[in-house]
Protein backbone atom coordinates (compact mmCIF):
# COMPACT_ATOMS: atom_id res chain seq x y z
CA MET A 1 51.35 -18.77 -25.16
CA TYR A 2 54.41 -16.68 -26.05
CA ILE A 3 57.96 -16.60 -24.70
CA THR A 4 60.53 -14.01 -25.83
CA CYS A 5 64.12 -15.15 -26.51
CA LEU A 6 66.84 -12.57 -26.52
CA ASP A 7 70.47 -12.62 -27.31
CA VAL A 8 72.63 -10.94 -24.69
CA GLU A 9 75.88 -9.38 -25.87
CA GLY A 10 75.17 -6.43 -28.33
CA VAL A 11 71.54 -6.36 -27.29
CA LEU A 12 71.60 -5.90 -23.58
CA VAL A 13 75.31 -5.65 -22.62
CA PRO A 14 78.41 -4.62 -24.57
CA GLU A 15 80.49 -7.27 -26.33
CA ILE A 16 82.67 -8.81 -23.62
CA TRP A 17 85.49 -9.73 -25.99
CA ILE A 18 85.51 -6.22 -27.48
CA ALA A 19 85.85 -4.68 -23.95
CA PHE A 20 88.57 -7.19 -23.19
CA SER A 21 90.37 -6.52 -26.50
CA LYS A 22 90.56 -2.79 -25.49
CA ALA A 23 91.65 -3.52 -21.95
CA SER A 24 94.40 -6.03 -22.94
CA GLY A 25 95.60 -4.16 -26.01
CA ILE A 26 95.10 -7.21 -28.25
CA PRO A 27 93.04 -5.90 -31.27
CA GLU A 28 92.54 -9.38 -32.77
CA LEU A 29 90.10 -10.16 -29.97
CA LYS A 30 87.62 -7.55 -31.26
CA LYS A 31 86.32 -10.25 -33.67
CA THR A 32 82.82 -11.44 -32.66
CA THR A 33 80.10 -13.52 -34.15
CA ARG A 34 79.06 -10.47 -36.11
CA ASP A 35 82.30 -11.16 -38.13
CA GLU A 36 82.66 -14.97 -37.81
CA PRO A 37 79.56 -17.12 -38.11
CA ASP A 38 81.40 -20.32 -37.00
CA TYR A 39 81.31 -20.00 -33.12
CA ASP A 40 83.44 -23.09 -32.44
CA LYS A 41 86.09 -21.78 -34.82
CA LEU A 42 85.97 -18.29 -33.21
CA MET A 43 86.30 -19.68 -29.67
CA ARG A 44 89.30 -21.85 -30.42
CA TRP A 45 90.95 -18.99 -32.15
CA ARG A 46 90.30 -16.81 -29.13
CA LEU A 47 91.69 -19.35 -26.66
CA GLY A 48 94.76 -19.66 -28.80
CA ILE A 49 95.38 -15.94 -28.57
CA LEU A 50 94.81 -16.05 -24.76
CA LYS A 51 97.39 -18.82 -24.40
CA GLU A 52 99.91 -17.04 -26.44
CA HIS A 53 99.58 -13.92 -24.31
CA GLY A 54 99.49 -15.90 -21.07
CA LEU A 55 95.94 -14.52 -20.11
CA GLY A 56 93.30 -16.48 -18.28
CA LEU A 57 89.85 -16.33 -16.72
CA LYS A 58 90.83 -13.91 -13.88
CA GLU A 59 92.01 -11.22 -16.40
CA ILE A 60 88.70 -11.48 -18.39
CA GLN A 61 86.59 -11.42 -15.25
CA ASP A 62 88.48 -8.35 -14.02
CA VAL A 63 87.36 -6.60 -17.26
CA ILE A 64 83.75 -7.78 -16.96
CA ALA A 65 83.49 -6.42 -13.42
CA THR A 66 83.86 -2.91 -15.04
CA ILE A 67 81.14 -3.56 -17.63
CA ASP A 68 77.65 -2.27 -17.18
CA PRO A 69 74.45 -3.11 -19.26
CA LEU A 70 73.94 -0.90 -22.25
CA PRO A 71 71.96 2.33 -21.51
CA GLY A 72 68.35 1.53 -21.16
CA ALA A 73 68.82 -2.33 -21.27
CA LYS A 74 67.64 -3.07 -17.69
CA GLU A 75 64.61 -0.75 -18.08
CA PHE A 76 63.84 -2.39 -21.43
CA LEU A 77 64.16 -5.94 -19.88
CA ASP A 78 61.97 -4.89 -16.89
CA GLU A 79 59.35 -3.68 -19.08
CA LEU A 80 59.44 -6.68 -21.33
CA ARG A 81 59.23 -9.10 -18.39
CA SER A 82 56.17 -7.28 -17.16
CA PHE A 83 54.13 -8.61 -20.10
CA SER A 84 56.13 -11.52 -21.47
CA GLN A 85 58.11 -14.62 -20.35
CA VAL A 86 61.77 -13.92 -21.24
CA ILE A 87 64.69 -16.21 -21.63
CA LEU A 88 68.14 -14.91 -22.49
CA ILE A 89 70.00 -17.26 -24.84
CA SER A 90 73.68 -16.57 -25.19
CA ASP A 91 76.75 -18.34 -26.48
CA THR A 92 78.60 -16.72 -23.69
CA PHE A 93 79.79 -18.63 -20.58
CA GLU A 94 78.42 -18.66 -16.99
CA GLN A 95 81.93 -17.62 -15.67
CA PHE A 96 81.48 -14.44 -17.76
CA ALA A 97 77.86 -13.72 -17.51
CA SER A 98 77.03 -14.09 -13.84
CA PRO A 99 77.95 -10.51 -12.68
CA LEU A 100 76.24 -9.00 -15.72
CA MET A 101 73.16 -10.93 -14.89
CA LYS A 102 73.06 -9.43 -11.34
CA LYS A 103 73.00 -6.04 -13.03
CA LEU A 104 70.18 -6.81 -15.20
CA GLY A 105 67.96 -8.10 -12.32
CA ASN A 106 68.90 -11.86 -12.57
CA PRO A 107 66.86 -12.90 -15.64
CA THR A 108 66.78 -16.56 -16.75
CA LEU A 109 69.95 -17.16 -18.75
CA PHE A 110 70.77 -20.21 -20.92
CA CYS A 111 74.48 -20.31 -21.77
CA ASN A 112 77.58 -22.49 -21.79
CA THR A 113 80.55 -23.20 -19.57
CA LEU A 114 84.33 -22.78 -19.68
CA GLU A 115 86.86 -25.51 -18.79
CA VAL A 116 89.40 -23.90 -16.63
CA LYS A 117 92.61 -25.21 -14.93
CA SER A 118 93.33 -24.45 -11.34
CA THR A 119 95.95 -21.89 -12.65
CA GLY A 120 93.02 -19.95 -14.29
CA GLU A 121 94.07 -21.00 -17.83
CA ILE A 122 91.09 -21.53 -20.00
CA THR A 123 91.70 -24.81 -21.79
CA GLY A 124 88.36 -25.32 -23.51
CA PHE A 125 84.64 -24.83 -23.47
CA ARG A 126 81.51 -26.90 -23.29
CA MET A 127 78.48 -25.86 -25.31
CA ARG A 128 75.11 -26.60 -23.75
CA CYS A 129 73.91 -28.14 -26.97
CA GLU A 130 74.55 -27.93 -30.69
CA LYS A 131 73.24 -24.76 -32.37
CA SER A 132 72.08 -23.79 -28.93
CA LYS A 133 69.84 -20.87 -29.77
CA LEU A 134 67.94 -22.55 -32.50
CA THR A 135 67.81 -25.80 -30.51
CA THR A 136 66.40 -23.95 -27.46
CA VAL A 137 63.67 -22.19 -29.53
CA LYS A 138 62.58 -25.40 -31.14
CA ALA A 139 62.48 -27.19 -27.74
CA LEU A 140 60.28 -24.40 -26.35
CA GLN A 141 57.98 -24.64 -29.31
CA SER A 142 57.71 -28.46 -28.82
CA ILE A 143 56.35 -27.88 -25.37
CA GLY A 144 53.60 -25.42 -26.48
CA TYR A 145 55.26 -21.88 -26.80
CA ASP A 146 55.19 -19.53 -29.66
CA THR A 147 58.57 -17.82 -29.61
CA ILE A 148 59.57 -14.38 -30.35
CA ALA A 149 63.30 -13.84 -30.92
CA SER A 150 65.72 -10.95 -31.34
CA GLY A 151 69.52 -10.77 -31.64
CA ASP A 152 72.21 -8.93 -33.59
CA SER A 153 74.61 -11.51 -35.04
CA TYR A 154 74.99 -14.52 -37.34
CA ASN A 155 74.50 -16.92 -34.61
CA ASP A 156 71.08 -15.37 -33.78
CA LEU A 157 69.61 -15.86 -37.27
CA GLY A 158 68.53 -19.46 -36.58
CA MET A 159 66.40 -18.71 -33.63
CA ILE A 160 65.03 -15.40 -35.28
CA GLN A 161 64.05 -17.32 -38.53
CA ALA A 162 62.49 -20.20 -36.69
CA SER A 163 60.29 -18.09 -34.39
CA LYS A 164 56.74 -16.90 -34.99
CA SER A 165 58.22 -13.39 -34.98
CA GLY A 166 61.85 -12.37 -35.14
CA PHE A 167 63.83 -9.08 -35.11
CA LEU A 168 67.25 -7.85 -35.58
CA PHE A 169 68.36 -5.33 -33.01
CA ARG A 170 71.38 -3.13 -33.46
CA SER A 171 72.81 -5.38 -36.09
CA THR A 172 75.37 -4.75 -38.72
CA ASN A 173 74.58 -3.12 -42.07
CA LYS A 174 75.75 -6.33 -43.78
CA ILE A 175 73.48 -8.63 -41.81
CA LYS A 176 70.50 -6.27 -42.39
CA ALA A 177 71.38 -6.04 -46.07
CA ASP A 178 71.76 -9.89 -46.43
CA TYR A 179 68.37 -10.48 -44.49
CA PRO A 180 66.06 -7.61 -45.57
CA ASP A 181 62.95 -9.68 -44.70
CA ILE A 182 63.88 -9.60 -41.00
CA PRO A 183 62.62 -6.28 -39.37
CA ALA A 184 65.55 -4.45 -37.74
CA PHE A 185 65.43 -1.96 -34.96
CA GLU A 186 67.92 0.30 -33.24
CA GLU A 187 66.01 1.46 -30.08
CA TYR A 188 64.61 -0.43 -27.26
CA TYR A 189 61.25 1.41 -27.48
CA ASP A 190 60.89 0.15 -31.10
CA LEU A 191 61.69 -3.40 -30.18
CA LEU A 192 59.31 -3.37 -27.26
CA SER A 193 56.51 -2.13 -29.50
CA ALA A 194 57.25 -4.76 -32.10
CA ILE A 195 57.19 -7.63 -29.45
CA ARG A 196 53.90 -6.18 -27.98
CA GLU A 197 52.45 -6.15 -31.47
CA ALA A 198 53.67 -9.74 -32.32
CA MET A 199 51.98 -11.00 -29.09
CA LYS A 200 48.55 -9.90 -30.44
CA ASP A 201 48.50 -12.37 -33.11
């Protein structure tokens, strides 16, 4: 039995922090897990910048409300869900992801949660579990599933490499060069075909 595990940002929706960086005029916030493999370090750095600029959850949610899924993402996900069980696994937070999930047809999402004061200040974050993507894939395998995984960033490599089949999707040239053994695709059609083929094994 197969289950497909997908990253969210960069694969199905634009990078939220890049969109917020543009909207807020704070270029430092463009840094993502494509640039910084240590997610804990990246998030603490982001929260420091938000505090410095007096920005909180509302400002980020206002930007997220303007974001749509990437062109073709919903159609890709609909087609994929027609022949495979699918779980989205993201290091994002439920307070960010909820409106985007509605636009994708409410797929199953495993993510994390923010710690927010009544003033709206984001004071911290709680990760669902350590190395959440890899841990989730291994848990699914422990209950009898063969996993197929795809993502674009450093924090996706664990689940990709641990899966029966794994693919990079719209990743960076550096990641693709550093991991030439992982098939890499740029178009949803090609990723769908690769997943279909993997499920024949």
